[in-house]
Amino acid sequence: MDTFTKLPEIDAEGYLVEPQDWNEELAEEFARQENIVLTEDHWDVIRFMRDFFEEHQIAPDARYVIKHLAERLGPTSRNKLFELFPYGYVKQACRIAGMKRPRGWSTG
């Protein structure tokens, strides 16, 4: 990792321990680790998730993100979240957006 001298504290699965430590540069690093090049649609999802977290102090359920995408992109976007994050909402989107790993959710 040449852009970081020191990552914030992460858990054994690679999720931030403190979501407040997140920033966009860190999102880029986590995305790079997942082999994802962040597009404007990725950033839209990430910013929606961060705003939701700021308001509710928890990561949004995937259905809220899907609803947000449908409002923005139309009803045909139902699978867009899974196209953007092909290895799973929790494994990729939550990690890149700096959420703690949601308890009780599978990583798929």
C-alpha atoms as a PDB file:
ATOM      1  CA  MET A   1       0.000   0.000   0.000  1.00  0.00           C
ATOM      2  CA  ASP A   2       2.015   2.907  -1.223  1.00  0.00           C
ATOM      3  CA  THR A   3      -0.607   5.612  -0.571  1.00  0.00           C
ATOM      4  CA  PHE A   4      -0.945   4.851   3.126  1.00  0.00           C
ATOM      5  CA  THR A   5       1.659   4.988   5.809  1.00  0.00           C
ATOM      6  CA  LYS A   6      -0.759   3.474   8.323  1.00  0.00           C
ATOM      7  CA  LEU A   7      -4.312   2.238   7.944  1.00  0.00           C
ATOM      8  CA  PRO A   8      -6.820   2.972  10.688  1.00  0.00           C
ATOM      9  CA  GLU A   9      -7.607  -0.001  12.926  1.00  0.00           C
ATOM     10  CA  ILE A  10      -9.415  -2.801  11.078  1.00  0.00           C
ATOM     11  CA  ASP A  11     -10.857  -6.053  12.365  1.00  0.00           C
ATOM     12  CA  ALA A  12      -9.755  -9.547  11.339  1.00  0.00           C
ATOM     13  CA  GLU A  13     -12.049  -9.445   8.282  1.00  0.00           C
ATOM     14  CA  GLY A  14     -10.776  -6.072   7.043  1.00  0.00           C
ATOM     15  CA  TYR A  15     -13.633  -3.826   8.225  1.00  0.00           C
ATOM     16  CA  LEU A  16     -12.980  -0.542  10.009  1.00  0.00           C
ATOM     17  CA  VAL A  17     -13.293  -0.789  13.770  1.00  0.00           C
ATOM     18  CA  GLU A  18     -14.351   2.876  13.929  1.00  0.00           C
ATOM     19  CA  PRO A  19     -16.451   4.068  10.945  1.00  0.00           C
ATOM     20  CA  GLN A  20     -15.528   7.664  11.853  1.00  0.00           C
ATOM     21  CA  ASP A  21     -11.970   6.872  10.658  1.00  0.00           C
ATOM     22  CA  TRP A  22     -13.275   6.528   7.079  1.00  0.00           C
ATOM     23  CA  ASN A  23     -12.395   8.927   4.282  1.00  0.00           C
ATOM     24  CA  GLU A  24     -12.580   8.803   0.486  1.00  0.00           C
ATOM     25  CA  GLU A  25      -8.892   7.973   0.139  1.00  0.00           C
ATOM     26  CA  LEU A  26      -9.449   4.934   2.356  1.00  0.00           C
ATOM     27  CA  ALA A  27     -12.452   3.959   0.207  1.00  0.00           C
ATOM     28  CA  GLU A  28     -10.179   4.040  -2.846  1.00  0.00           C
ATOM     29  CA  GLU A  29      -7.680   1.765  -1.062  1.00  0.00           C
ATOM     30  CA  PHE A  30     -10.353  -0.733   0.035  1.00  0.00           C
ATOM     31  CA  ALA A  31     -11.804  -0.720  -3.502  1.00  0.00           C
ATOM     32  CA  ARG A  32      -8.337  -1.356  -4.942  1.00  0.00           C
ATOM     33  CA  GLN A  33      -7.982  -4.337  -2.606  1.00  0.00           C
ATOM     34  CA  GLU A  34     -11.314  -5.644  -3.958  1.00  0.00           C
ATOM     35  CA  ASN A  35     -10.267  -5.000  -7.589  1.00  0.00           C
ATOM     36  CA  ILE A  36     -13.020  -2.419  -8.025  1.00  0.00           C
ATOM     37  CA  VAL A  37     -12.503   0.837  -9.905  1.00  0.00           C
ATOM     38  CA  LEU A  38     -14.906   3.283  -8.293  1.00  0.00           C
ATOM     39  CA  THR A  39     -17.296   4.950 -10.747  1.00  0.00           C
ATOM     40  CA  GLU A  40     -19.817   7.708 -10.087  1.00  0.00           C
ATOM     41  CA  ASP A  41     -22.454   5.013  -9.400  1.00  0.00           C
ATOM     42  CA  HIS A  42     -20.178   3.415  -6.794  1.00  0.00           C
ATOM     43  CA  TRP A  43     -19.644   6.812  -5.152  1.00  0.00           C
ATOM     44  CA  ASP A  44     -23.398   7.437  -5.167  1.00  0.00           C
ATOM     45  CA  VAL A  45     -23.956   4.211  -3.218  1.00  0.00           C
ATOM     46  CA  ILE A  46     -21.046   4.909  -0.861  1.00  0.00           C
ATOM     47  CA  ARG A  47     -22.216   8.458  -0.114  1.00  0.00           C
ATOM     48  CA  PHE A  48     -25.790   7.259   0.428  1.00  0.00           C
ATOM     49  CA  MET A  49     -24.484   4.660   2.875  1.00  0.00           C
ATOM     50  CA  ARG A  50     -22.338   7.232   4.703  1.00  0.00           C
ATOM     51  CA  ASP A  51     -25.278   9.676   4.959  1.00  0.00           C
ATOM     52  CA  PHE A  52     -27.523   6.889   6.274  1.00  0.00           C
ATOM     53  CA  PHE A  53     -24.863   5.935   8.805  1.00  0.00           C
ATOM     54  CA  GLU A  54     -24.460   9.534   9.961  1.00  0.00           C
ATOM     55  CA  GLU A  55     -28.201   9.754  10.576  1.00  0.00           C
ATOM     56  CA  HIS A  56     -28.856   6.301  12.082  1.00  0.00           C
ATOM     57  CA  GLN A  57     -25.435   5.123  13.365  1.00  0.00           C
ATOM     58  CA  ILE A  58     -25.818   1.789  11.557  1.00  0.00           C
ATOM     59  CA  ALA A  59     -25.129   0.564   8.050  1.00  0.00           C
ATOM     60  CA  PRO A  60     -28.220   0.642   5.832  1.00  0.00           C
ATOM     61  CA  ASP A  61     -29.786  -2.649   4.882  1.00  0.00           C
ATOM     62  CA  ALA A  62     -29.200  -3.517   1.221  1.00  0.00           C
ATOM     63  CA  ARG A  63     -32.892  -2.960   0.426  1.00  0.00           C
ATOM     64  CA  TYR A  64     -32.541   0.752   1.311  1.00  0.00           C
ATOM     65  CA  VAL A  65     -29.604   1.070  -1.058  1.00  0.00           C
ATOM     66  CA  ILE A  66     -31.504  -0.756  -3.813  1.00  0.00           C
ATOM     67  CA  LYS A  67     -34.477   1.589  -3.278  1.00  0.00           C
ATOM     68  CA  HIS A  68     -32.133   4.608  -3.475  1.00  0.00           C
ATOM     69  CA  LEU A  69     -30.662   3.324  -6.748  1.00  0.00           C
ATOM     70  CA  ALA A  70     -34.137   2.662  -8.178  1.00  0.00           C
ATOM     71  CA  GLU A  71     -35.214   6.232  -7.354  1.00  0.00           C
ATOM     72  CA  ARG A  72     -32.131   7.584  -9.088  1.00  0.00           C
ATOM     73  CA  LEU A  73     -31.752   5.188 -12.009  1.00  0.00           C
ATOM     74  CA  GLY A  74     -35.252   3.783 -12.476  1.00  0.00           C
ATOM     75  CA  PRO A  75     -36.841   0.430 -11.665  1.00  0.00           C
ATOM     76  CA  THR A  76     -34.607  -1.485 -14.071  1.00  0.00           C
ATOM     77  CA  SER A  77     -31.711  -0.842 -11.683  1.00  0.00           C
ATOM     78  CA  ARG A  78     -32.827  -3.595  -9.293  1.00  0.00           C
ATOM     79  CA  ASN A  79     -29.630  -5.599  -9.811  1.00  0.00           C
ATOM     80  CA  LYS A  80     -27.352  -2.566 -10.084  1.00  0.00           C
ATOM     81  CA  LEU A  81     -26.069  -2.909  -6.505  1.00  0.00           C
ATOM     82  CA  PHE A  82     -24.888  -6.428  -7.259  1.00  0.00           C
ATOM     83  CA  GLU A  83     -23.340  -5.345 -10.552  1.00  0.00           C
ATOM     84  CA  LEU A  84     -21.390  -2.623  -8.730  1.00  0.00           C
ATOM     85  CA  PHE A  85     -20.330  -4.938  -5.893  1.00  0.00           C
ATOM     86  CA  PRO A  86     -20.297  -8.438  -7.412  1.00  0.00           C
ATOM     87  CA  TYR A  87     -18.916 -10.200  -4.333  1.00  0.00           C
ATOM     88  CA  GLY A  88     -21.706  -8.946  -2.117  1.00  0.00           C
ATOM     89  CA  TYR A  89     -23.122  -5.892  -0.459  1.00  0.00           C
ATOM     90  CA  VAL A  90     -21.644  -6.673   2.959  1.00  0.00           C
ATOM     91  CA  LYS A  91     -18.275  -7.937   1.753  1.00  0.00           C
ATOM     92  CA  GLN A  92     -17.586  -5.085  -0.645  1.00  0.00           C
ATOM     93  CA  ALA A  93     -19.968  -2.138  -0.320  1.00  0.00           C
ATOM     94  CA  CYS A  94     -20.004  -2.030   3.486  1.00  0.00           C
ATOM     95  CA  ARG A  95     -16.247  -2.465   3.691  1.00  0.00           C
ATOM     96  CA  ILE A  96     -15.455   0.185   1.060  1.00  0.00           C
ATOM     97  CA  ALA A  97     -17.937   2.620   2.662  1.00  0.00           C
ATOM     98  CA  GLY A  98     -16.200   2.163   6.015  1.00  0.00           C
ATOM     99  CA  MET A  99     -19.005   0.425   7.866  1.00  0.00           C
ATOM    100  CA  LYS A 100     -18.399  -2.064  10.632  1.00  0.00           C
ATOM    101  CA  ARG A 101     -19.263  -5.576   9.512  1.00  0.00           C
ATOM    102  CA  PRO A 102     -22.996  -5.791  10.169  1.00  0.00           C
ATOM    103  CA  ARG A 103     -23.721  -8.448  12.786  1.00  0.00           C
ATOM    104  CA  GLY A 104     -25.866 -11.317  11.709  1.00  0.00           C
ATOM    105  CA  TRP A 105     -25.345 -10.602   8.001  1.00  0.00           C
ATOM    106  CA  SER A 106     -23.542 -13.041   5.792  1.00  0.00           C
ATOM    107  CA  THR A 107     -20.604 -11.685   3.838  1.00  0.00           C
ATOM    108  CA  GLY A 108     -22.338 -12.613   0.574  1.00  0.00           C
END
